[in-house]
Structure formats: C-alpha cells, structure tokens
C-alpha cells in the first residue's frame, strides 16, 4: 500500500492509496469510489483483498473528507456532489490509469460513488462497473419509519445545523465524516424527488454521460438495505439505459450474516460476500 496524491483539474489535491497486485500476472485495475462521507480508509480491507486476487487498486477520499480536507476548515470548503463527480472521480481514474497502465479498468462505486459515475467526462476509460447499494435514495419509496426519520434529519436538523456551523456535522450520528454544506444541500435536494442526480440535469449539471455508458454494470444490493430499496435501485438504474446491467440482491443469512445494510458490504465483516463482486470485475475483459 502506497500513499498517493491526486491532483484535480481545478488544482485541488486529494489523498489516496494505491495497492499493487499480489500476483505475477495482474487481472485488472480497480478504482474504489467512496460513499458520501466515507474516508477511503474504510475500504482498505476490501482493497487489500482485491490486490490478493490480482488487481491493482486505488482508494481515495473526496474533497472535504478525511485526509482530503487538507487542513482546511470544513465551513470554508465550498464543494458539492457535482464537484465529486466532475472533478474528483475523473482525477482519481486518471491516477489509477497512470499507476496501472495497460490494464482493463473497473470502478467499484459505493452509494454516491456509484450514483455519480455519469458525471465523469472520462467514463469511456472504464471497462466495467460494480455498483454497491446504488439507488436514488428517494424518500417516498422508503418504509414509513425510515422515511419519517430521513425527512426529519434532512429537512429539519440539516438546514439548521448547516446554518449554525457552516457544514453538516453528520459524524456525531454515525453518518461518516462531517460534510461540506454544498454536499449536504445537494444530497437533500436529490433525495426529495425521483431520479437523484437527475434533479440537477440542465441546471447545476449542464452535461452528463449516464446514457452514454454501455459497459457491463453489476448492481449489488443487500436485501436489508433500508435506503437502496428495490424501487430506488430501479429509479437509479433507469439513468443507465444503454448499459449491460445485471442485478443481484444479497440476503445476509445466505452468507452467515445477521445484517449487511447500506454501508457494510465492503467492510471486512462482510468478506463472505466479496467473491460476488468478482463477477463484475471479470466482465471487463
């Protein structure tokens, strides 16, 4: 594992780590695109496992998250989800291609890391995708208890706490790292209506490539995911009309697990599920 710095087109510097393949003949290169508020260290166990399977792997944190805050007070970071998709993801992909030249490239995107793939101008460099817990997150498709909690959180506490602090302090409720105000705002806006990122098409998003993606896509979702429920998974995947999509819903009990949920499929306790991810990586050949 080697620390690496990723420089985006606007000059912002992200922190990442590169894992070299442990086999003599590499099978491919994998970019792990993180969920909202997840530091890339969360994915180290999974990245290590992939390297043992023969893949070169790059993890990174989006701007404003973890090491990629660069010591800047979070209230002074003006980034949003569109920046993560149009600046951070493309730069990380270019870094991976430079570190592992000549290998077929796959993207494993977790939640937001999957939702933002169509914002990447260099998407054509990706040969296959594995989308983990990818959905629109639309509030109205959630079960009643989850929907009420989400609306209270996003429409009540979020705007109030952002107004007071200048960022969304999500760490104290177990939502990963604290979030820049722009990320919080777009997250709320996109979950209010169907289509998630689609809600900013033609406005904050002038150009996108969701319909241009034709590569194989493997969608993996846990059956106990309270956010990526089947209706929300379908709501997001419809944005990829030309992709070659396979969908699998994973039952925790089938892997000897009590729960997987929205956040844990790529954590070490769910390692029994990881061989299913190889199906999506092997389709890039």
Protein backbone atom coordinates (compact mmCIF):
# COMPACT_ATOMS: atom_id res chain seq x y z
CA UNK A 1 0.00 0.00 0.00
CA UNK A 2 1.42 3.35 -1.07
CA UNK A 3 0.08 6.81 -0.29
CA UNK A 4 -0.51 8.92 -3.39
CA UNK A 5 -1.68 12.46 -4.11
CA UNK A 6 -4.33 13.02 -6.77
CA UNK A 7 -4.45 16.48 -8.36
CA UNK A 8 -7.81 17.51 -9.82
CA UNK A 9 -8.29 19.79 -12.82
CA UNK A 10 -9.06 22.74 -10.53
CA UNK A 11 -5.84 22.17 -8.57
CA UNK A 12 -7.45 20.60 -5.50
CA UNK A 13 -5.38 17.74 -4.09
CA UNK A 14 -6.94 14.50 -2.87
CA UNK A 15 -5.31 11.81 -0.77
CA UNK A 16 -5.41 8.21 -1.96
CA UNK A 17 -3.66 4.88 -1.52
CA UNK A 18 -2.51 2.50 -4.23
CA UNK A 19 -2.46 -1.26 -3.71
CA UNK A 20 -0.27 -3.25 -6.08
CA UNK A 21 -1.49 -6.64 -7.29
CA UNK A 22 -0.03 -9.53 -5.30
CA UNK A 23 0.09 -11.85 -8.31
CA UNK A 24 2.69 -12.06 -11.07
CA UNK A 25 0.06 -11.51 -13.77
CA UNK A 26 -2.34 -8.65 -12.89
CA UNK A 27 -6.00 -9.23 -13.69
CA UNK A 28 -7.03 -5.59 -13.91
CA UNK A 29 -7.17 -2.23 -12.17
CA UNK A 30 -9.95 -1.16 -9.81
CA UNK A 31 -10.97 2.31 -8.66
CA UNK A 32 -12.98 2.30 -5.43
CA UNK A 33 -15.31 5.32 -5.41
CA UNK A 34 -16.45 6.09 -1.84
CA UNK A 35 -19.87 6.68 -0.37
CA UNK A 36 -20.89 10.09 0.95
CA UNK A 37 -18.78 10.98 3.97
CA UNK A 38 -16.68 7.81 3.87
CA UNK A 39 -12.93 8.15 4.30
CA UNK A 40 -11.11 5.86 1.91
CA UNK A 41 -9.52 4.00 4.83
CA UNK A 42 -12.90 2.30 5.27
CA UNK A 43 -12.15 0.34 2.10
CA UNK A 44 -8.59 -0.77 2.94
CA UNK A 45 -9.56 -4.34 3.87
CA UNK A 46 -11.50 -4.75 0.63
CA UNK A 47 -8.71 -3.16 -1.41
CA UNK A 48 -6.17 -5.50 0.18
CA UNK A 49 -8.36 -8.49 -0.66
CA UNK A 50 -8.68 -7.32 -4.27
CA UNK A 51 -4.92 -6.94 -4.54
CA UNK A 52 -4.56 -10.52 -3.30
CA UNK A 53 -6.89 -11.56 -6.14
CA UNK A 54 -4.51 -9.93 -8.62
CA UNK A 55 -5.94 -6.43 -9.04
CA UNK A 56 -4.23 -3.07 -8.82
CA UNK A 57 -6.45 -0.90 -6.63
CA UNK A 58 -6.77 2.81 -5.90
CA UNK A 59 -8.76 4.20 -2.99
CA UNK A 60 -9.28 7.92 -2.32
CA UNK A 61 -11.28 10.36 -0.23
CA UNK A 62 -13.37 13.06 -1.88
CA UNK A 63 -12.57 16.72 -1.25
CA UNK A 64 -13.65 17.82 2.20
CA UNK A 65 -13.49 14.29 3.59
CA UNK A 66 -10.78 12.85 5.85
CA UNK A 67 -7.24 13.42 4.58
CA UNK A 68 -8.66 15.27 1.57
CA UNK A 69 -9.74 18.20 3.75
CA UNK A 70 -6.10 19.28 3.56
CA UNK A 71 -6.35 21.05 6.91
CA UNK A 72 -8.97 23.48 5.61
CA UNK A 73 -11.86 24.29 7.99
CA UNK A 74 -14.88 22.45 6.65
CA UNK A 75 -17.03 25.58 6.66
CA UNK A 76 -14.59 27.07 4.12
CA UNK A 77 -14.88 24.16 1.66
CA UNK A 78 -17.45 25.02 -0.99
CA UNK A 79 -17.55 21.66 -2.77
CA UNK A 80 -20.70 19.73 -3.59
CA UNK A 81 -21.65 16.35 -5.05
CA UNK A 82 -21.26 17.64 -8.60
CA UNK A 83 -17.63 18.51 -7.82
CA UNK A 84 -17.08 14.98 -6.54
CA UNK A 85 -18.41 13.57 -9.81
CA UNK A 86 -16.91 16.01 -12.31
CA UNK A 87 -13.55 16.71 -10.66
CA UNK A 88 -12.62 14.13 -8.01
CA UNK A 89 -13.72 10.90 -9.70
CA UNK A 90 -12.13 11.75 -13.08
CA UNK A 91 -8.83 12.72 -11.44
CA UNK A 92 -8.76 9.51 -9.41
CA UNK A 93 -9.40 7.50 -12.57
CA UNK A 94 -6.54 9.22 -14.39
CA UNK A 95 -4.25 8.49 -11.45
CA UNK A 96 -5.19 4.80 -11.50
CA UNK A 97 -4.57 4.54 -15.24
CA UNK A 98 -1.16 6.17 -14.76
CA UNK A 99 -0.25 3.82 -11.91
CA UNK A 100 -1.51 0.67 -13.65
CA UNK A 101 -1.10 1.29 -17.39
CA UNK A 102 -2.41 -1.19 -19.91
CA UNK A 103 -4.81 -2.99 -17.58
CA UNK A 104 -8.58 -3.22 -18.02
CA UNK A 105 -10.22 -0.81 -15.60
CA UNK A 106 -13.22 -1.36 -13.34
CA UNK A 107 -14.94 1.03 -10.99
CA UNK A 108 -16.44 -0.23 -7.74
CA UNK A 109 -18.76 2.52 -6.58
CA UNK A 110 -20.39 2.53 -3.16
CA UNK A 111 -23.61 4.53 -2.84
CA UNK A 112 -22.65 8.07 -4.00
CA UNK A 113 -19.54 6.61 -5.62
CA UNK A 114 -21.91 4.70 -7.87
CA UNK A 115 -24.50 7.43 -8.31
CA UNK A 116 -22.02 9.95 -9.73
CA UNK A 117 -20.44 7.80 -12.46
CA UNK A 118 -22.29 9.56 -15.28
CA UNK A 119 -20.69 12.89 -14.39
CA UNK A 120 -17.21 11.67 -15.34
CA UNK A 121 -16.07 13.09 -18.71
CA UNK A 122 -13.51 10.24 -18.99
CA UNK A 123 -16.06 7.48 -18.30
CA UNK A 124 -15.09 5.70 -21.54
CA UNK A 125 -11.84 4.57 -19.90
CA UNK A 126 -13.85 2.29 -17.60
CA UNK A 127 -14.44 -1.22 -18.89
CA UNK A 128 -16.91 -2.38 -16.23
CA UNK A 129 -18.73 -1.19 -13.13
CA UNK A 130 -19.76 -2.77 -9.86
CA UNK A 131 -22.35 -0.61 -8.12
CA UNK A 132 -22.80 -1.26 -4.41
CA UNK A 133 -26.01 -0.04 -2.73
CA UNK A 134 -26.67 2.22 -5.71
CA UNK A 135 -30.08 3.84 -5.72
CA UNK A 136 -31.86 7.17 -5.95
CA UNK A 137 -32.47 7.26 -2.20
CA UNK A 138 -35.88 8.84 -2.91
CA UNK A 139 -37.57 9.45 0.44
CA UNK A 140 -41.07 8.46 -0.67
CA UNK A 141 -40.00 4.92 -1.58
CA UNK A 142 -38.66 4.20 1.90
CA UNK A 143 -40.56 2.34 4.59
CA UNK A 144 -42.56 4.65 6.83
CA UNK A 145 -40.23 4.67 9.84
CA UNK A 146 -37.14 5.26 7.67
CA UNK A 147 -38.94 7.90 5.59
CA UNK A 148 -40.02 9.90 8.63
CA UNK A 149 -36.54 9.74 10.14
CA UNK A 150 -34.95 10.79 6.84
CA UNK A 151 -37.27 13.75 6.37
CA UNK A 152 -36.73 14.92 9.94
CA UNK A 153 -32.98 14.58 9.51
CA UNK A 154 -32.69 16.21 6.09
CA UNK A 155 -35.42 18.86 6.32
CA UNK A 156 -35.09 19.72 10.00
CA UNK A 157 -31.72 19.16 11.55
CA UNK A 158 -29.65 19.50 8.37
CA UNK A 159 -30.56 23.08 7.35
CA UNK A 160 -30.49 24.22 10.97
CA UNK A 161 -27.07 22.74 11.74
CA UNK A 162 -25.61 23.95 8.43
CA UNK A 163 -26.86 27.47 9.16
CA UNK A 164 -25.20 27.41 12.58
CA UNK A 165 -21.93 25.63 11.78
CA UNK A 166 -21.42 26.22 8.06
CA UNK A 167 -21.26 22.46 7.42
CA UNK A 168 -23.33 19.37 8.31
CA UNK A 169 -21.99 17.64 11.46
CA UNK A 170 -23.02 14.11 10.48
CA UNK A 171 -20.21 12.34 12.31
CA UNK A 172 -22.00 12.56 15.64
CA UNK A 173 -24.92 10.48 14.29
CA UNK A 174 -22.79 7.84 12.62
CA UNK A 175 -23.17 9.15 9.05
CA UNK A 176 -19.45 9.02 8.33
CA UNK A 177 -17.43 12.24 8.28
CA UNK A 178 -18.89 15.73 8.60
CA UNK A 179 -19.98 17.09 5.22
CA UNK A 180 -19.44 20.35 3.35
CA UNK A 181 -22.58 22.48 3.18
CA UNK A 182 -22.83 22.11 -0.60
CA UNK A 183 -22.75 18.33 -0.38
CA UNK A 184 -25.45 18.38 2.30
CA UNK A 185 -27.66 20.70 0.25
CA UNK A 186 -27.49 18.63 -2.92
CA UNK A 187 -27.97 15.37 -1.04
CA UNK A 188 -31.22 16.72 0.41
CA UNK A 189 -32.33 18.17 -2.92
CA UNK A 190 -31.66 14.99 -4.88
CA UNK A 191 -33.41 12.65 -2.45
CA UNK A 192 -36.61 14.69 -2.36
CA UNK A 193 -37.68 13.64 -5.87
CA UNK A 194 -37.19 10.57 -8.07
CA UNK A 195 -34.00 10.33 -10.12
CA UNK A 196 -31.48 11.62 -7.57
CA UNK A 197 -28.78 13.33 -9.68
CA UNK A 198 -31.34 13.77 -12.47
CA UNK A 199 -32.87 16.60 -10.45
CA UNK A 200 -29.96 18.86 -11.38
CA UNK A 201 -29.82 18.00 -15.09
CA UNK A 202 -29.91 21.19 -17.15
CA UNK A 203 -29.16 23.35 -14.11
CA UNK A 204 -26.12 22.61 -11.95
CA UNK A 205 -25.33 19.73 -14.32
CA UNK A 206 -25.05 21.03 -17.86
CA UNK A 207 -23.57 17.87 -19.31
CA UNK A 208 -23.66 14.24 -18.22
CA UNK A 209 -22.91 10.80 -19.64
CA UNK A 210 -25.33 8.40 -17.98
CA UNK A 211 -26.95 7.40 -21.27
CA UNK A 212 -23.52 7.06 -22.90
CA UNK A 213 -22.36 4.31 -20.55
CA UNK A 214 -22.52 1.00 -22.44
CA UNK A 215 -20.13 -1.09 -20.35
CA UNK A 216 -21.22 -4.04 -18.18
CA UNK A 217 -22.74 -2.96 -14.86
CA UNK A 218 -23.21 -5.29 -11.89
CA UNK A 219 -25.58 -3.90 -9.26
CA UNK A 220 -25.24 -5.48 -5.81
CA UNK A 221 -27.65 -4.54 -3.03
CA UNK A 222 -28.40 -6.11 0.34
CA UNK A 223 -31.99 -7.15 0.94
CA UNK A 224 -31.87 -5.40 4.32
CA UNK A 225 -30.73 -2.07 2.86
CA UNK A 226 -33.31 0.45 4.11
CA UNK A 227 -32.20 3.14 1.62
CA UNK A 228 -31.43 1.22 -1.58
CA UNK A 229 -34.81 -0.49 -1.59
CA UNK A 230 -35.77 -2.18 -4.90
CA UNK A 231 -37.85 0.79 -6.10
CA UNK A 232 -34.95 3.18 -5.52
CA UNK A 233 -32.46 0.81 -7.18
CA UNK A 234 -34.66 0.74 -10.28
CA UNK A 235 -35.12 4.51 -10.12
CA UNK A 236 -31.36 4.99 -10.36
CA UNK A 237 -30.55 2.25 -12.87
CA UNK A 238 -33.03 3.71 -15.36
CA UNK A 239 -30.50 6.52 -15.82
CA UNK A 240 -28.22 3.93 -17.49
CA UNK A 241 -30.49 2.81 -20.37
CA UNK A 242 -27.66 1.59 -22.59
CA UNK A 243 -25.53 -0.22 -20.02
CA UNK A 244 -25.40 -4.01 -19.80
CA UNK A 245 -26.94 -4.34 -16.34
CA UNK A 246 -27.08 -7.35 -14.04
CA UNK A 247 -28.77 -7.02 -10.65
CA UNK A 248 -28.28 -9.16 -7.58
CA UNK A 249 -29.92 -8.71 -4.18
CA UNK A 250 -27.87 -10.32 -1.42
CA UNK A 251 -29.61 -11.98 1.52
CA UNK A 252 -27.47 -11.60 4.68
CA UNK A 253 -28.40 -15.03 6.01
CA UNK A 254 -27.04 -16.68 2.87
CA UNK A 255 -23.57 -15.51 3.94
CA UNK A 256 -23.90 -16.31 7.62
CA UNK A 257 -24.55 -12.65 8.45
CA UNK A 258 -27.25 -11.07 10.58
CA UNK A 259 -27.18 -7.87 8.55
CA UNK A 260 -25.40 -6.08 5.72
CA UNK A 261 -27.42 -2.90 5.36
CA UNK A 262 -26.49 0.10 3.25
CA UNK A 263 -22.98 0.74 4.50
CA UNK A 264 -21.23 -2.53 5.28
CA UNK A 265 -20.93 -4.68 2.15
CA UNK A 266 -17.33 -3.58 1.58
CA UNK A 267 -16.33 -3.85 5.26
CA UNK A 268 -14.32 -6.84 6.44
CA UNK A 269 -17.18 -8.43 8.38
CA UNK A 270 -18.97 -8.96 5.04
CA UNK A 271 -15.96 -10.58 3.37
CA UNK A 272 -18.02 -13.67 2.56
CA UNK A 273 -19.93 -11.54 0.03
CA UNK A 274 -16.89 -10.26 -1.82
CA UNK A 275 -16.47 -13.13 -4.32
CA UNK A 276 -19.74 -11.99 -5.90
CA UNK A 277 -18.01 -8.72 -6.80
CA UNK A 278 -15.51 -10.59 -8.95
CA UNK A 279 -18.29 -11.35 -11.43
CA UNK A 280 -18.44 -7.66 -12.27
CA UNK A 281 -14.67 -7.23 -12.40
CA UNK A 282 -14.13 -10.23 -14.64
CA UNK A 283 -16.64 -8.90 -17.16
CA UNK A 284 -14.18 -6.15 -18.10
CA UNK A 285 -12.04 -8.45 -20.17
